[in-house]
Amino acid sequence: MRSMAPGVGHCSGGDGPDTSHTVAPLVKWVEEGIPPFRIEASLVRERTVVRARPLCAYQSVAVWDGRGDTNTASRARVLIPALPTNRRQNDENRDDK
């Protein structure tokens, strides 16, 4: 699973959530064939979680649901973008051929 952590520097740091527990979901993927849909990550300052966000597979995005605290991961939905349709198939189905 390739994920992106917005606001996080190359290895860590920045304003984004840079602490996550990825081993258990990856073990489940390898051993049971179930890929993780999302992994929660946190930004911790002075031993307090100040922000949490879901990390999701590349091309999916986490979007705030519009209610409650924007710094709480449970308030985010993961959206999977539609895959582009095969252009050749679109051209074959045109009415103006």
N, C-alpha and C. Protein backbone atom coordinates (compact mmCIF):
# COMPACT_ATOMS: atom_id res chain seq x y z
N MET A 1 0.85 -1.17 0.00
CA MET A 1 0.00 0.00 0.00
C MET A 1 0.89 1.23 0.00
N ARG A 2 0.71 2.07 -0.95
CA ARG A 2 1.42 3.34 -0.98
C ARG A 2 0.47 4.38 -0.43
N SER A 3 0.89 5.09 0.60
CA SER A 3 0.03 6.12 1.17
C SER A 3 0.79 7.42 1.21
N MET A 4 0.03 8.49 1.30
CA MET A 4 0.63 9.82 1.40
C MET A 4 0.16 10.43 2.71
N ALA A 5 1.06 11.14 3.36
CA ALA A 5 0.72 11.80 4.61
C ALA A 5 0.86 13.31 4.40
N PRO A 6 -0.22 13.99 4.04
CA PRO A 6 -0.15 15.42 3.78
C PRO A 6 0.36 16.20 4.99
N GLY A 7 1.24 17.14 4.72
CA GLY A 7 1.77 17.99 5.77
C GLY A 7 2.97 17.41 6.50
N VAL A 8 3.40 16.21 6.11
CA VAL A 8 4.53 15.56 6.76
C VAL A 8 5.76 15.72 5.89
N GLY A 9 6.89 15.99 6.52
CA GLY A 9 8.14 16.10 5.79
C GLY A 9 8.54 14.76 5.20
N HIS A 10 9.69 14.70 4.54
CA HIS A 10 10.14 13.49 3.86
C HIS A 10 10.09 12.26 4.75
N CYS A 11 10.61 12.35 5.96
CA CYS A 11 10.60 11.21 6.87
C CYS A 11 9.70 11.44 8.06
N SER A 12 9.60 12.64 8.52
CA SER A 12 8.72 12.98 9.64
C SER A 12 8.77 14.50 9.82
N GLY A 13 8.05 14.97 10.82
CA GLY A 13 8.04 16.41 11.09
C GLY A 13 7.03 17.15 10.24
N GLY A 14 6.84 18.41 10.50
CA GLY A 14 5.85 19.22 9.80
C GLY A 14 4.57 19.30 10.60
N ASP A 15 3.52 19.83 9.98
CA ASP A 15 2.24 20.02 10.66
C ASP A 15 1.31 18.82 10.51
N GLY A 16 1.69 17.84 9.71
CA GLY A 16 0.83 16.69 9.46
C GLY A 16 1.06 15.56 10.45
N PRO A 17 0.16 14.60 10.48
CA PRO A 17 0.28 13.45 11.38
C PRO A 17 1.39 12.51 10.90
N ASP A 18 2.42 12.35 11.74
CA ASP A 18 3.58 11.56 11.31
C ASP A 18 3.80 10.30 12.15
N THR A 19 2.85 9.95 13.02
CA THR A 19 2.96 8.76 13.84
C THR A 19 1.81 7.82 13.48
N SER A 20 2.16 6.61 13.05
CA SER A 20 1.12 5.63 12.72
C SER A 20 1.62 4.23 13.05
N HIS A 21 0.68 3.33 13.20
CA HIS A 21 1.00 1.93 13.49
C HIS A 21 0.62 1.13 12.25
N THR A 22 1.61 0.89 11.41
CA THR A 22 1.34 0.26 10.12
C THR A 22 1.63 -1.23 10.08
N VAL A 23 2.36 -1.77 11.04
CA VAL A 23 2.78 -3.17 10.96
C VAL A 23 1.59 -4.13 11.01
N ALA A 24 0.68 -3.96 11.97
CA ALA A 24 -0.44 -4.90 12.11
C ALA A 24 -1.32 -4.95 10.85
N PRO A 25 -1.70 -3.80 10.27
CA PRO A 25 -2.50 -3.87 9.04
C PRO A 25 -1.74 -4.52 7.88
N LEU A 26 -0.44 -4.30 7.80
CA LEU A 26 0.34 -4.90 6.72
C LEU A 26 0.50 -6.41 6.92
N VAL A 27 0.65 -6.84 8.16
CA VAL A 27 0.71 -8.29 8.45
C VAL A 27 -0.61 -8.94 8.06
N LYS A 28 -1.72 -8.31 8.40
CA LYS A 28 -3.04 -8.85 8.04
C LYS A 28 -3.17 -8.96 6.52
N TRP A 29 -2.64 -7.99 5.80
CA TRP A 29 -2.68 -8.00 4.34
C TRP A 29 -1.89 -9.19 3.81
N VAL A 30 -0.68 -9.36 4.32
CA VAL A 30 0.18 -10.45 3.85
C VAL A 30 -0.38 -11.81 4.24
N GLU A 31 -0.80 -11.96 5.49
CA GLU A 31 -1.22 -13.27 5.99
C GLU A 31 -2.64 -13.65 5.63
N GLU A 32 -3.53 -12.66 5.50
CA GLU A 32 -4.94 -12.96 5.25
C GLU A 32 -5.44 -12.43 3.91
N GLY A 33 -4.60 -11.68 3.21
CA GLY A 33 -5.00 -11.15 1.91
C GLY A 33 -5.97 -10.00 1.98
N ILE A 34 -6.07 -9.35 3.14
CA ILE A 34 -7.00 -8.23 3.30
C ILE A 34 -6.21 -6.93 3.37
N PRO A 35 -6.21 -6.14 2.28
CA PRO A 35 -5.45 -4.88 2.30
C PRO A 35 -6.13 -3.85 3.20
N PRO A 36 -5.34 -3.00 3.84
CA PRO A 36 -5.94 -1.97 4.71
C PRO A 36 -6.66 -0.91 3.87
N PHE A 37 -7.85 -0.53 4.31
CA PHE A 37 -8.59 0.53 3.64
C PHE A 37 -8.07 1.89 4.09
N ARG A 38 -7.75 1.98 5.37
CA ARG A 38 -7.18 3.20 5.92
C ARG A 38 -6.40 2.85 7.18
N ILE A 39 -5.39 3.67 7.45
CA ILE A 39 -4.58 3.54 8.66
C ILE A 39 -4.58 4.92 9.30
N GLU A 40 -4.86 4.97 10.59
CA GLU A 40 -4.89 6.27 11.25
C GLU A 40 -3.49 6.71 11.65
N ALA A 41 -3.23 7.98 11.46
CA ALA A 41 -1.95 8.59 11.84
C ALA A 41 -2.24 9.78 12.75
N SER A 42 -1.29 10.08 13.62
CA SER A 42 -1.48 11.15 14.59
C SER A 42 -0.30 12.11 14.59
N LEU A 43 -0.58 13.33 14.96
CA LEU A 43 0.45 14.32 15.24
C LEU A 43 0.47 14.47 16.75
N VAL A 44 1.59 14.14 17.36
CA VAL A 44 1.71 14.16 18.81
C VAL A 44 2.67 15.28 19.22
N ARG A 45 2.22 16.11 20.12
CA ARG A 45 3.05 17.18 20.67
C ARG A 45 3.00 17.06 22.19
N GLU A 46 4.15 16.95 22.82
CA GLU A 46 4.25 16.84 24.27
C GLU A 46 3.34 15.74 24.82
N ARG A 47 3.41 14.58 24.19
CA ARG A 47 2.67 13.36 24.57
C ARG A 47 1.14 13.51 24.48
N THR A 48 0.68 14.46 23.67
CA THR A 48 -0.75 14.66 23.47
C THR A 48 -1.05 14.64 21.97
N VAL A 49 -2.06 13.88 21.58
CA VAL A 49 -2.47 13.86 20.17
C VAL A 49 -3.19 15.17 19.88
N VAL A 50 -2.65 15.95 18.94
CA VAL A 50 -3.28 17.22 18.59
C VAL A 50 -4.00 17.15 17.24
N ARG A 51 -3.69 16.13 16.45
CA ARG A 51 -4.34 15.97 15.15
C ARG A 51 -4.27 14.50 14.76
N ALA A 52 -5.33 14.00 14.18
CA ALA A 52 -5.35 12.63 13.67
C ALA A 52 -6.02 12.63 12.31
N ARG A 53 -5.49 11.84 11.42
CA ARG A 53 -6.02 11.74 10.05
C ARG A 53 -5.91 10.31 9.59
N PRO A 54 -6.80 9.89 8.71
CA PRO A 54 -6.62 8.58 8.10
C PRO A 54 -5.62 8.67 6.95
N LEU A 55 -4.76 7.68 6.85
CA LEU A 55 -3.91 7.53 5.67
C LEU A 55 -4.62 6.52 4.80
N CYS A 56 -4.72 6.77 3.53
CA CYS A 56 -5.42 5.85 2.65
C CYS A 56 -4.56 5.56 1.43
N ALA A 57 -4.89 4.48 0.75
CA ALA A 57 -4.10 4.07 -0.42
C ALA A 57 -4.04 5.20 -1.44
N TYR A 58 -2.92 5.28 -2.13
CA TYR A 58 -2.69 6.33 -3.13
C TYR A 58 -3.84 6.42 -4.12
N GLN A 59 -4.19 7.58 -4.42
CA GLN A 59 -5.27 8.06 -5.27
C GLN A 59 -6.57 8.19 -4.51
N SER A 60 -6.72 7.52 -3.37
CA SER A 60 -7.87 7.79 -2.51
C SER A 60 -7.52 9.03 -1.70
N VAL A 61 -8.54 9.71 -1.21
CA VAL A 61 -8.31 10.90 -0.40
C VAL A 61 -9.21 10.87 0.83
N ALA A 62 -8.71 11.46 1.91
CA ALA A 62 -9.50 11.60 3.12
C ALA A 62 -10.16 12.98 3.09
N VAL A 63 -11.47 13.01 3.31
CA VAL A 63 -12.22 14.26 3.24
C VAL A 63 -13.02 14.42 4.53
N TRP A 64 -12.91 15.59 5.16
CA TRP A 64 -13.67 15.89 6.37
C TRP A 64 -15.15 15.82 6.05
N ASP A 65 -15.93 15.22 6.94
CA ASP A 65 -17.36 15.03 6.68
C ASP A 65 -18.21 16.27 6.95
N GLY A 66 -17.58 17.37 7.37
CA GLY A 66 -18.30 18.61 7.57
C GLY A 66 -18.90 18.78 8.96
N ARG A 67 -18.69 17.80 9.82
CA ARG A 67 -19.24 17.87 11.17
C ARG A 67 -18.13 17.65 12.19
N GLY A 68 -18.21 18.30 13.32
CA GLY A 68 -17.27 18.06 14.41
C GLY A 68 -15.87 18.59 14.16
N ASP A 69 -14.95 18.06 14.94
CA ASP A 69 -13.57 18.52 14.95
C ASP A 69 -12.80 18.04 13.73
N THR A 70 -12.18 18.96 13.01
CA THR A 70 -11.40 18.58 11.82
C THR A 70 -10.11 17.85 12.17
N ASN A 71 -9.72 17.86 13.43
CA ASN A 71 -8.50 17.18 13.86
C ASN A 71 -8.75 15.77 14.36
N THR A 72 -9.94 15.24 14.15
CA THR A 72 -10.28 13.90 14.60
C THR A 72 -10.43 13.00 13.38
N ALA A 73 -9.67 11.90 13.35
CA ALA A 73 -9.67 11.01 12.18
C ALA A 73 -11.04 10.40 11.92
N SER A 74 -11.83 10.18 12.95
CA SER A 74 -13.15 9.56 12.75
C SER A 74 -14.11 10.48 12.00
N ARG A 75 -13.78 11.76 11.86
CA ARG A 75 -14.64 12.70 11.14
C ARG A 75 -14.29 12.77 9.65
N ALA A 76 -13.40 11.89 9.19
CA ALA A 76 -12.99 11.91 7.78
C ALA A 76 -13.51 10.67 7.06
N ARG A 77 -13.94 10.87 5.84
CA ARG A 77 -14.35 9.76 4.97
C ARG A 77 -13.25 9.55 3.95
N VAL A 78 -13.06 8.32 3.54
CA VAL A 78 -12.09 8.03 2.49
C VAL A 78 -12.85 7.92 1.17
N LEU A 79 -12.46 8.73 0.20
CA LEU A 79 -13.09 8.72 -1.10
C LEU A 79 -12.15 8.08 -2.11
N ILE A 80 -12.67 7.15 -2.88
CA ILE A 80 -11.90 6.48 -3.91
C ILE A 80 -12.29 7.10 -5.24
N PRO A 81 -11.34 7.70 -5.95
CA PRO A 81 -11.70 8.36 -7.21
C PRO A 81 -12.11 7.35 -8.27
N ALA A 82 -12.97 7.79 -9.16
CA ALA A 82 -13.38 6.92 -10.26
C ALA A 82 -12.20 6.70 -11.19
N LEU A 83 -12.06 5.49 -11.67
CA LEU A 83 -10.99 5.19 -12.62
C LEU A 83 -11.36 5.75 -13.98
N PRO A 84 -10.39 6.26 -14.72
CA PRO A 84 -10.70 6.79 -16.04
C PRO A 84 -11.17 5.67 -16.96
N THR A 85 -12.16 5.99 -17.76
CA THR A 85 -12.68 5.02 -18.72
C THR A 85 -11.71 4.90 -19.89
N ASN A 86 -11.63 3.74 -20.45
CA ASN A 86 -10.75 3.51 -21.59
C ASN A 86 -11.17 4.44 -22.72
N ARG A 87 -10.25 5.29 -23.17
CA ARG A 87 -10.58 6.28 -24.20
C ARG A 87 -11.00 5.61 -25.50
N ARG A 88 -10.33 4.52 -25.86
CA ARG A 88 -10.68 3.83 -27.10
C ARG A 88 -12.11 3.32 -27.05
N GLN A 89 -12.51 2.83 -25.89
CA GLN A 89 -13.89 2.37 -25.73
C GLN A 89 -14.85 3.55 -25.91
N ASN A 90 -14.49 4.71 -25.35
CA ASN A 90 -15.34 5.89 -25.52
C ASN A 90 -15.45 6.26 -26.98
N ASP A 91 -14.33 6.24 -27.71
CA ASP A 91 -14.35 6.59 -29.12
C ASP A 91 -15.20 5.62 -29.92
N GLU A 92 -15.19 4.34 -29.58
CA GLU A 92 -15.99 3.34 -30.31
C GLU A 92 -17.49 3.52 -30.06
N ASN A 93 -17.85 4.14 -28.93
CA ASN A 93 -19.26 4.30 -28.57
C ASN A 93 -19.83 5.66 -28.96
N ARG A 94 -19.05 6.48 -29.67
CA ARG A 94 -19.55 7.81 -30.05
C ARG A 94 -20.67 7.68 -31.07
N ASP A 95 -21.62 8.61 -30.98
CA ASP A 95 -22.74 8.63 -31.92
C ASP A 95 -22.39 9.30 -33.24
N ASP A 96 -21.36 10.13 -33.28
CA ASP A 96 -21.06 10.93 -34.46
C ASP A 96 -20.05 10.30 -35.40
N LYS A 97 -19.88 8.96 -35.35
CA LYS A 97 -18.89 8.29 -36.21
C LYS A 97 -19.29 8.37 -37.65
